[in-house]
Amino acid sequence: SVKALAKAIKKHPVLCNVNLAHVFLAGGSAVVNKMLLSCKTCVSLQIGHKDFDKESVAAIAKFLGKKNSLTSFSLVGAAVDNDNKTL
């Protein structure tokens, strides 16, 4: 489950690079937020899903606005422009 994955990432002592670009994070922004918080000590994070909703994208923006250790970030497959009807 996503909760188990988030817990494992958070507790891993040396994990620096996380690629969740093709992981289906079902459960909306609460699940996305939990996963982001578990990655706050990572150096590199790739996250993405074609069905992110507005709240999930907002959670990602909020996460990026806070102090974290990321030096590399990639948002894969999420449409975030005003022309996309899904957001």
PDB file of N, CA and C in Angstrom:
ATOM      1  N   SER A   1       0.832  -1.187   0.000  1.00  0.00           N
ATOM      2  CA  SER A   1       0.000   0.000   0.000  1.00  0.00           C
ATOM      3  C   SER A   1       0.876   1.250   0.000  1.00  0.00           C
ATOM      4  N   VAL A   2       0.283   2.365  -0.352  1.00  0.00           N
ATOM      5  CA  VAL A   2       1.021   3.629  -0.382  1.00  0.00           C
ATOM      6  C   VAL A   2       1.486   4.007   1.016  1.00  0.00           C
ATOM      7  N   LYS A   3       0.658   3.757   2.025  1.00  0.00           N
ATOM      8  CA  LYS A   3       1.047   4.088   3.407  1.00  0.00           C
ATOM      9  C   LYS A   3       2.281   3.304   3.825  1.00  0.00           C
ATOM     10  N   ALA A   4       2.330   2.022   3.473  1.00  0.00           N
ATOM     11  CA  ALA A   4       3.483   1.192   3.813  1.00  0.00           C
ATOM     12  C   ALA A   4       4.732   1.678   3.078  1.00  0.00           C
ATOM     13  N   LEU A   5       4.570   2.067   1.817  1.00  0.00           N
ATOM     14  CA  LEU A   5       5.695   2.586   1.047  1.00  0.00           C
ATOM     15  C   LEU A   5       6.202   3.892   1.648  1.00  0.00           C
ATOM     16  N   ALA A   6       5.298   4.781   2.009  1.00  0.00           N
ATOM     17  CA  ALA A   6       5.693   6.052   2.626  1.00  0.00           C
ATOM     18  C   ALA A   6       6.451   5.809   3.922  1.00  0.00           C
ATOM     19  N   LYS A   7       5.972   4.877   4.723  1.00  0.00           N
ATOM     20  CA  LYS A   7       6.629   4.563   6.000  1.00  0.00           C
ATOM     21  C   LYS A   7       8.030   3.999   5.758  1.00  0.00           C
ATOM     22  N   ALA A   8       8.160   3.115   4.773  1.00  0.00           N
ATOM     23  CA  ALA A   8       9.460   2.513   4.477  1.00  0.00           C
ATOM     24  C   ALA A   8      10.458   3.558   3.978  1.00  0.00           C
ATOM     25  N   ILE A   9       9.995   4.474   3.123  1.00  0.00           N
ATOM     26  CA  ILE A   9      10.877   5.536   2.625  1.00  0.00           C
ATOM     27  C   ILE A   9      11.335   6.429   3.769  1.00  0.00           C
ATOM     28  N   LYS A  10      10.394   6.809   4.619  1.00  0.00           N
ATOM     29  CA  LYS A  10      10.714   7.704   5.741  1.00  0.00           C
ATOM     30  C   LYS A  10      11.721   7.078   6.699  1.00  0.00           C
ATOM     31  N   LYS A  11      11.608   5.781   6.951  1.00  0.00           N
ATOM     32  CA  LYS A  11      12.470   5.120   7.930  1.00  0.00           C
ATOM     33  C   LYS A  11      13.791   4.630   7.354  1.00  0.00           C
ATOM     34  N   HIS A  12      13.943   4.664   6.033  1.00  0.00           N
ATOM     35  CA  HIS A  12      15.175   4.171   5.431  1.00  0.00           C
ATOM     36  C   HIS A  12      16.331   5.095   5.795  1.00  0.00           C
ATOM     37  N   PRO A  13      17.431   4.539   6.296  1.00  0.00           N
ATOM     38  CA  PRO A  13      18.512   5.384   6.823  1.00  0.00           C
ATOM     39  C   PRO A  13      19.345   6.122   5.770  1.00  0.00           C
ATOM     40  N   VAL A  14      19.408   5.630   4.523  1.00  0.00           N
ATOM     41  CA  VAL A  14      20.302   6.252   3.548  1.00  0.00           C
ATOM     42  C   VAL A  14      19.654   6.502   2.181  1.00  0.00           C
ATOM     43  N   LEU A  15      18.380   6.375   2.066  1.00  0.00           N
ATOM     44  CA  LEU A  15      17.713   6.572   0.783  1.00  0.00           C
ATOM     45  C   LEU A  15      17.761   8.037   0.384  1.00  0.00           C
ATOM     46  N   CYS A  16      18.326   8.316  -0.794  1.00  0.00           N
ATOM     47  CA  CYS A  16      18.483   9.700  -1.255  1.00  0.00           C
ATOM     48  C   CYS A  16      17.658  10.007  -2.501  1.00  0.00           C
ATOM     49  N   ASN A  17      17.467   9.026  -3.361  1.00  0.00           N
ATOM     50  CA  ASN A  17      16.788   9.235  -4.633  1.00  0.00           C
ATOM     51  C   ASN A  17      15.526   8.384  -4.687  1.00  0.00           C
ATOM     52  N   VAL A  18      14.389   9.026  -4.904  1.00  0.00           N
ATOM     53  CA  VAL A  18      13.110   8.312  -4.963  1.00  0.00           C
ATOM     54  C   VAL A  18      12.438   8.627  -6.293  1.00  0.00           C
ATOM     55  N   ASN A  19      12.080   7.577  -7.014  1.00  0.00           N
ATOM     56  CA  ASN A  19      11.393   7.734  -8.283  1.00  0.00           C
ATOM     57  C   ASN A  19       9.997   7.135  -8.161  1.00  0.00           C
ATOM     58  N   LEU A  20       9.007   7.994  -8.030  1.00  0.00           N
ATOM     59  CA  LEU A  20       7.607   7.593  -7.950  1.00  0.00           C
ATOM     60  C   LEU A  20       6.847   8.082  -9.179  1.00  0.00           C
ATOM     61  N   ALA A  21       7.583   8.263 -10.269  1.00  0.00           N
ATOM     62  CA  ALA A  21       7.001   8.858 -11.467  1.00  0.00           C
ATOM     63  C   ALA A  21       5.872   8.018 -12.053  1.00  0.00           C
ATOM     64  N   HIS A  22       5.924   6.722 -11.864  1.00  0.00           N
ATOM     65  CA  HIS A  22       4.906   5.856 -12.462  1.00  0.00           C
ATOM     66  C   HIS A  22       4.155   5.044 -11.418  1.00  0.00           C
ATOM     67  N   VAL A  23       4.116   5.544 -10.201  1.00  0.00           N
ATOM     68  CA  VAL A  23       3.391   4.885  -9.116  1.00  0.00           C
ATOM     69  C   VAL A  23       2.011   5.511  -9.008  1.00  0.00           C
ATOM     70  N   PHE A  24       0.986   4.699  -9.025  1.00  0.00           N
ATOM     71  CA  PHE A  24      -0.377   5.200  -8.900  1.00  0.00           C
ATOM     72  C   PHE A  24      -0.648   5.514  -7.436  1.00  0.00           C
ATOM     73  N   LEU A  25      -0.748   6.798  -7.115  1.00  0.00           N
ATOM     74  CA  LEU A  25      -0.974   7.235  -5.740  1.00  0.00           C
ATOM     75  C   LEU A  25      -2.463   7.477  -5.523  1.00  0.00           C
ATOM     76  N   ALA A  26      -3.233   6.408  -5.480  1.00  0.00           N
ATOM     77  CA  ALA A  26      -4.681   6.524  -5.280  1.00  0.00           C
ATOM     78  C   ALA A  26      -4.967   7.038  -3.875  1.00  0.00           C
ATOM     79  N   GLY A  27      -5.982   7.875  -3.762  1.00  0.00           N
ATOM     80  CA  GLY A  27      -6.358   8.378  -2.453  1.00  0.00           C
ATOM     81  C   GLY A  27      -6.331   9.887  -2.364  1.00  0.00           C
ATOM     82  N   GLY A  28      -6.010  10.537  -3.466  1.00  0.00           N
ATOM     83  CA  GLY A  28      -6.069  11.989  -3.497  1.00  0.00           C
ATOM     84  C   GLY A  28      -4.908  12.675  -2.810  1.00  0.00           C
ATOM     85  N   SER A  29      -5.137  13.934  -2.475  1.00  0.00           N
ATOM     86  CA  SER A  29      -4.064  14.779  -1.960  1.00  0.00           C
ATOM     87  C   SER A  29      -3.540  14.329  -0.592  1.00  0.00           C
ATOM     88  N   ALA A  30      -4.367  13.690   0.209  1.00  0.00           N
ATOM     89  CA  ALA A  30      -3.901  13.220   1.521  1.00  0.00           C
ATOM     90  C   ALA A  30      -2.794  12.174   1.353  1.00  0.00           C
ATOM     91  N   VAL A  31      -2.961  11.295   0.382  1.00  0.00           N
ATOM     92  CA  VAL A  31      -1.955  10.265   0.126  1.00  0.00           C
ATOM     93  C   VAL A  31      -0.703  10.890  -0.492  1.00  0.00           C
ATOM     94  N   VAL A  32      -0.902  11.816  -1.421  1.00  0.00           N
ATOM     95  CA  VAL A  32       0.230  12.504  -2.035  1.00  0.00           C
ATOM     96  C   VAL A  32       1.021  13.243  -0.959  1.00  0.00           C
ATOM     97  N   ASN A  33       0.330  13.932  -0.062  1.00  0.00           N
ATOM     98  CA  ASN A  33       0.988  14.672   1.010  1.00  0.00           C
ATOM     99  C   ASN A  33       1.775  13.742   1.925  1.00  0.00           C
ATOM    100  N   LYS A  34       1.203  12.599   2.265  1.00  0.00           N
ATOM    101  CA  LYS A  34       1.893  11.625   3.126  1.00  0.00           C
ATOM    102  C   LYS A  34       3.183  11.147   2.448  1.00  0.00           C
ATOM    103  N   MET A  35       3.094  10.879   1.148  1.00  0.00           N
ATOM    104  CA  MET A  35       4.276  10.418   0.415  1.00  0.00           C
ATOM    105  C   MET A  35       5.331  11.519   0.348  1.00  0.00           C
ATOM    106  N   LEU A  36       4.911  12.748   0.097  1.00  0.00           N
ATOM    107  CA  LEU A  36       5.855  13.860   0.047  1.00  0.00           C
ATOM    108  C   LEU A  36       6.563  14.049   1.380  1.00  0.00           C
ATOM    109  N   LEU A  37       5.822  14.002   2.463  1.00  0.00           N
ATOM    110  CA  LEU A  37       6.417  14.174   3.789  1.00  0.00           C
ATOM    111  C   LEU A  37       7.430  13.077   4.089  1.00  0.00           C
ATOM    112  N   SER A  38       7.197  11.889   3.566  1.00  0.00           N
ATOM    113  CA  SER A  38       8.151  10.804   3.798  1.00  0.00           C
ATOM    114  C   SER A  38       9.437  11.015   3.002  1.00  0.00           C
ATOM    115  N   CYS A  39       9.387  11.861   1.982  1.00  0.00           N
ATOM    116  CA  CYS A  39      10.550  12.115   1.122  1.00  0.00           C
ATOM    117  C   CYS A  39      11.266  13.418   1.446  1.00  0.00           C
ATOM    118  N   LYS A  40      10.957  14.042   2.572  1.00  0.00           N
ATOM    119  CA  LYS A  40      11.514  15.363   2.846  1.00  0.00           C
ATOM    120  C   LYS A  40      13.022  15.367   3.071  1.00  0.00           C
ATOM    121  N   THR A  41      13.634  14.228   3.336  1.00  0.00           N
ATOM    122  CA  THR A  41      15.086  14.181   3.481  1.00  0.00           C
ATOM    123  C   THR A  41      15.773  13.654   2.224  1.00  0.00           C
ATOM    124  N   CYS A  42      15.027  13.390   1.193  1.00  0.00           N
ATOM    125  CA  CYS A  42      15.601  12.901  -0.062  1.00  0.00           C
ATOM    126  C   CYS A  42      16.303  14.033  -0.807  1.00  0.00           C
ATOM    127  N   VAL A  43      17.247  13.660  -1.633  1.00  0.00           N
ATOM    128  CA  VAL A  43      17.976  14.615  -2.447  1.00  0.00           C
ATOM    129  C   VAL A  43      17.307  14.753  -3.815  1.00  0.00           C
ATOM    130  N   SER A  44      16.777  13.650  -4.321  1.00  0.00           N
ATOM    131  CA  SER A  44      16.151  13.643  -5.634  1.00  0.00           C
ATOM    132  C   SER A  44      14.787  12.972  -5.538  1.00  0.00           C
ATOM    133  N   LEU A  45      13.772  13.598  -6.125  1.00  0.00           N
ATOM    134  CA  LEU A  45      12.411  13.045  -6.088  1.00  0.00           C
ATOM    135  C   LEU A  45      11.754  13.225  -7.447  1.00  0.00           C
ATOM    136  N   GLN A  46      11.250  12.122  -7.975  1.00  0.00           N
ATOM    137  CA  GLN A  46      10.427  12.145  -9.176  1.00  0.00           C
ATOM    138  C   GLN A  46       9.057  11.638  -8.775  1.00  0.00           C
ATOM    139  N   ILE A  47       8.039  12.401  -9.069  1.00  0.00           N
ATOM    140  CA  ILE A  47       6.686  12.017  -8.710  1.00  0.00           C
ATOM    141  C   ILE A  47       5.783  12.387  -9.873  1.00  0.00           C
ATOM    142  N   GLY A  48       4.767  11.601 -10.105  1.00  0.00           N
ATOM    143  CA  GLY A  48       3.881  11.942 -11.203  1.00  0.00           C
ATOM    144  C   GLY A  48       2.726  10.980 -11.351  1.00  0.00           C
ATOM    145  N   HIS A  49       1.689  11.497 -11.930  1.00  0.00           N
ATOM    146  CA  HIS A  49       0.527  10.692 -12.260  1.00  0.00           C
ATOM    147  C   HIS A  49      -0.366  11.530 -13.138  1.00  0.00           C
ATOM    148  N   LYS A  50      -0.896  10.957 -14.174  1.00  0.00           N
ATOM    149  CA  LYS A  50      -1.711  11.729 -15.105  1.00  0.00           C
ATOM    150  C   LYS A  50      -3.028  12.183 -14.512  1.00  0.00           C
ATOM    151  N   ASP A  51      -3.445  11.601 -13.410  1.00  0.00           N
ATOM    152  CA  ASP A  51      -4.730  11.936 -12.809  1.00  0.00           C
ATOM    153  C   ASP A  51      -4.624  12.737 -11.515  1.00  0.00           C
ATOM    154  N   PHE A  52      -3.490  13.425 -11.282  1.00  0.00           N
ATOM    155  CA  PHE A  52      -3.419  14.292 -10.112  1.00  0.00           C
ATOM    156  C   PHE A  52      -4.527  15.328 -10.185  1.00  0.00           C
ATOM    157  N   ASP A  53      -5.187  15.556  -9.073  1.00  0.00           N
ATOM    158  CA  ASP A  53      -6.217  16.596  -9.035  1.00  0.00           C
ATOM    159  C   ASP A  53      -5.595  17.909  -8.555  1.00  0.00           C
ATOM    160  N   LYS A  54      -6.402  18.964  -8.522  1.00  0.00           N
ATOM    161  CA  LYS A  54      -5.908  20.287  -8.114  1.00  0.00           C
ATOM    162  C   LYS A  54      -5.294  20.253  -6.723  1.00  0.00           C
ATOM    163  N   GLU A  55      -5.918  19.512  -5.819  1.00  0.00           N
ATOM    164  CA  GLU A  55      -5.429  19.446  -4.440  1.00  0.00           C
ATOM    165  C   GLU A  55      -4.073  18.749  -4.364  1.00  0.00           C
ATOM    166  N   SER A  56      -3.872  17.723  -5.181  1.00  0.00           N
ATOM    167  CA  SER A  56      -2.581  17.026  -5.193  1.00  0.00           C
ATOM    168  C   SER A  56      -1.478  17.932  -5.706  1.00  0.00           C
ATOM    169  N   VAL A  57      -1.767  18.667  -6.777  1.00  0.00           N
ATOM    170  CA  VAL A  57      -0.780  19.602  -7.318  1.00  0.00           C
ATOM    171  C   VAL A  57      -0.496  20.710  -6.301  1.00  0.00           C
ATOM    172  N   ALA A  58      -1.529  21.178  -5.600  1.00  0.00           N
ATOM    173  CA  ALA A  58      -1.339  22.196  -4.558  1.00  0.00           C
ATOM    174  C   ALA A  58      -0.475  21.651  -3.420  1.00  0.00           C
ATOM    175  N   ALA A  59      -0.671  20.390  -3.050  1.00  0.00           N
ATOM    176  CA  ALA A  59       0.145  19.768  -1.997  1.00  0.00           C
ATOM    177  C   ALA A  59       1.610  19.698  -2.425  1.00  0.00           C
ATOM    178  N   ILE A  60       1.844  19.394  -3.694  1.00  0.00           N
ATOM    179  CA  ILE A  60       3.217  19.351  -4.218  1.00  0.00           C
ATOM    180  C   ILE A  60       3.835  20.744  -4.175  1.00  0.00           C
ATOM    181  N   ALA A  61       3.073  21.752  -4.591  1.00  0.00           N
ATOM    182  CA  ALA A  61       3.569  23.132  -4.565  1.00  0.00           C
ATOM    183  C   ALA A  61       3.907  23.567  -3.141  1.00  0.00           C
ATOM    184  N   LYS A  62       3.055  23.215  -2.197  1.00  0.00           N
ATOM    185  CA  LYS A  62       3.295  23.570  -0.792  1.00  0.00           C
ATOM    186  C   LYS A  62       4.558  22.878  -0.277  1.00  0.00           C
ATOM    187  N   PHE A  63       4.719  21.610  -0.619  1.00  0.00           N
ATOM    188  CA  PHE A  63       5.893  20.845  -0.218  1.00  0.00           C
ATOM    189  C   PHE A  63       7.171  21.489  -0.759  1.00  0.00           C
ATOM    190  N   LEU A  64       7.141  21.889  -2.026  1.00  0.00           N
ATOM    191  CA  LEU A  64       8.320  22.493  -2.643  1.00  0.00           C
ATOM    192  C   LEU A  64       8.637  23.861  -2.052  1.00  0.00           C
ATOM    193  N   GLY A  65       7.614  24.537  -1.516  1.00  0.00           N
ATOM    194  CA  GLY A  65       7.816  25.843  -0.905  1.00  0.00           C
ATOM    195  C   GLY A  65       8.445  25.782   0.471  1.00  0.00           C
ATOM    196  N   LYS A  66       8.432  24.615   1.077  1.00  0.00           N
ATOM    197  CA  LYS A  66       9.026  24.442   2.411  1.00  0.00           C
ATOM    198  C   LYS A  66      10.485  24.032   2.290  1.00  0.00           C
ATOM    199  N   LYS A  67      11.217  24.225   3.369  1.00  0.00           N
ATOM    200  CA  LYS A  67      12.619  23.817   3.399  1.00  0.00           C
ATOM    201  C   LYS A  67      12.696  22.294   3.342  1.00  0.00           C
ATOM    202  N   ASN A  68      13.442  21.800   2.403  1.00  0.00           N
ATOM    203  CA  ASN A  68      13.699  20.369   2.299  1.00  0.00           C
ATOM    204  C   ASN A  68      15.089  20.188   1.705  1.00  0.00           C
ATOM    205  N   SER A  69      15.516  18.968   1.538  1.00  0.00           N
ATOM    206  CA  SER A  69      16.884  18.710   1.072  1.00  0.00           C
ATOM    207  C   SER A  69      16.956  18.408  -0.427  1.00  0.00           C
ATOM    208  N   LEU A  70      15.884  18.644  -1.166  1.00  0.00           N
ATOM    209  CA  LEU A  70      15.875  18.320  -2.589  1.00  0.00           C
ATOM    210  C   LEU A  70      16.833  19.198  -3.390  1.00  0.00           C
ATOM    211  N   THR A  71      17.602  18.558  -4.241  1.00  0.00           N
ATOM    212  CA  THR A  71      18.396  19.274  -5.230  1.00  0.00           C
ATOM    213  C   THR A  71      17.900  18.960  -6.637  1.00  0.00           C
ATOM    214  N   SER A  72      17.032  17.950  -6.747  1.00  0.00           N
ATOM    215  CA  SER A  72      16.467  17.560  -8.026  1.00  0.00           C
ATOM    216  C   SER A  72      15.017  17.154  -7.816  1.00  0.00           C
ATOM    217  N   PHE A  73      14.119  17.714  -8.643  1.00  0.00           N
ATOM    218  CA  PHE A  73      12.699  17.391  -8.550  1.00  0.00           C
ATOM    219  C   PHE A  73      12.118  17.290  -9.955  1.00  0.00           C
ATOM    220  N   SER A  74      11.271  16.291 -10.172  1.00  0.00           N
ATOM    221  CA  SER A  74      10.630  16.126 -11.466  1.00  0.00           C
ATOM    222  C   SER A  74       9.173  15.756 -11.248  1.00  0.00           C
ATOM    223  N   LEU A  75       8.288  16.507 -11.885  1.00  0.00           N
ATOM    224  CA  LEU A  75       6.855  16.224 -11.858  1.00  0.00           C
ATOM    225  C   LEU A  75       6.508  15.643 -13.222  1.00  0.00           C
ATOM    226  N   VAL A  76       6.228  14.348 -13.255  1.00  0.00           N
ATOM    227  CA  VAL A  76       6.063  13.610 -14.503  1.00  0.00           C
ATOM    228  C   VAL A  76       4.588  13.326 -14.779  1.00  0.00           C
ATOM    229  N   GLY A  77       4.140  13.683 -15.962  1.00  0.00           N
ATOM    230  CA  GLY A  77       2.815  13.290 -16.418  1.00  0.00           C
ATOM    231  C   GLY A  77       1.641  14.067 -15.862  1.00  0.00           C
ATOM    232  N   ALA A  78       1.857  14.980 -14.964  1.00  0.00           N
ATOM    233  CA  ALA A  78       0.750  15.748 -14.384  1.00  0.00           C
ATOM    234  C   ALA A  78       0.562  17.028 -15.183  1.00  0.00           C
ATOM    235  N   ALA A  79      -0.631  17.209 -15.719  1.00  0.00           N
ATOM    236  CA  ALA A  79      -0.923  18.427 -16.476  1.00  0.00           C
ATOM    237  C   ALA A  79      -1.228  19.551 -15.498  1.00  0.00           C
ATOM    238  N   VAL A  80      -0.456  20.617 -15.560  1.00  0.00           N
ATOM    239  CA  VAL A  80      -0.634  21.705 -14.594  1.00  0.00           C
ATOM    240  C   VAL A  80      -0.875  23.067 -15.245  1.00  0.00           C
ATOM    241  N   ASP A  81      -1.101  23.085 -16.553  1.00  0.00           N
ATOM    242  CA  ASP A  81      -1.339  24.382 -17.193  1.00  0.00           C
ATOM    243  C   ASP A  81      -2.825  24.710 -17.246  1.00  0.00           C
ATOM    244  N   ASN A  82      -3.143  25.969 -17.485  1.00  0.00           N
ATOM    245  CA  ASN A  82      -4.540  26.432 -17.503  1.00  0.00           C
ATOM    246  C   ASN A  82      -5.319  25.885 -18.678  1.00  0.00           C
ATOM    247  N   ASP A  83      -4.648  25.435 -19.734  1.00  0.00           N
ATOM    248  CA  ASP A  83      -5.341  24.928 -20.911  1.00  0.00           C
ATOM    249  C   ASP A  83      -5.861  23.511 -20.721  1.00  0.00           C
ATOM    250  N   ASN A  84      -5.372  22.827 -19.730  1.00  0.00           N
ATOM    251  CA  ASN A  84      -5.807  21.447 -19.507  1.00  0.00           C
ATOM    252  C   ASN A  84      -7.130  21.455 -18.755  1.00  0.00           C
ATOM    253  N   LYS A  85      -8.113  20.819 -19.295  1.00  0.00           N
ATOM    254  CA  LYS A  85      -9.453  20.835 -18.721  1.00  0.00           C
ATOM    255  C   LYS A  85      -9.546  20.026 -17.422  1.00  0.00           C
ATOM    256  N   THR A  86      -8.588  19.125 -17.159  1.00  0.00           N
ATOM    257  CA  THR A  86      -8.697  18.297 -15.957  1.00  0.00           C
ATOM    258  C   THR A  86      -8.284  19.010 -14.702  1.00  0.00           C
ATOM    259  N   LEU A  87      -7.563  20.112 -14.810  1.00  0.00           N
ATOM    260  CA  LEU A  87      -7.158  20.817 -13.592  1.00  0.00           C
ATOM    261  C   LEU A  87      -7.937  22.071 -13.431  1.00  0.00           C
TER     262      LEU A  87
END
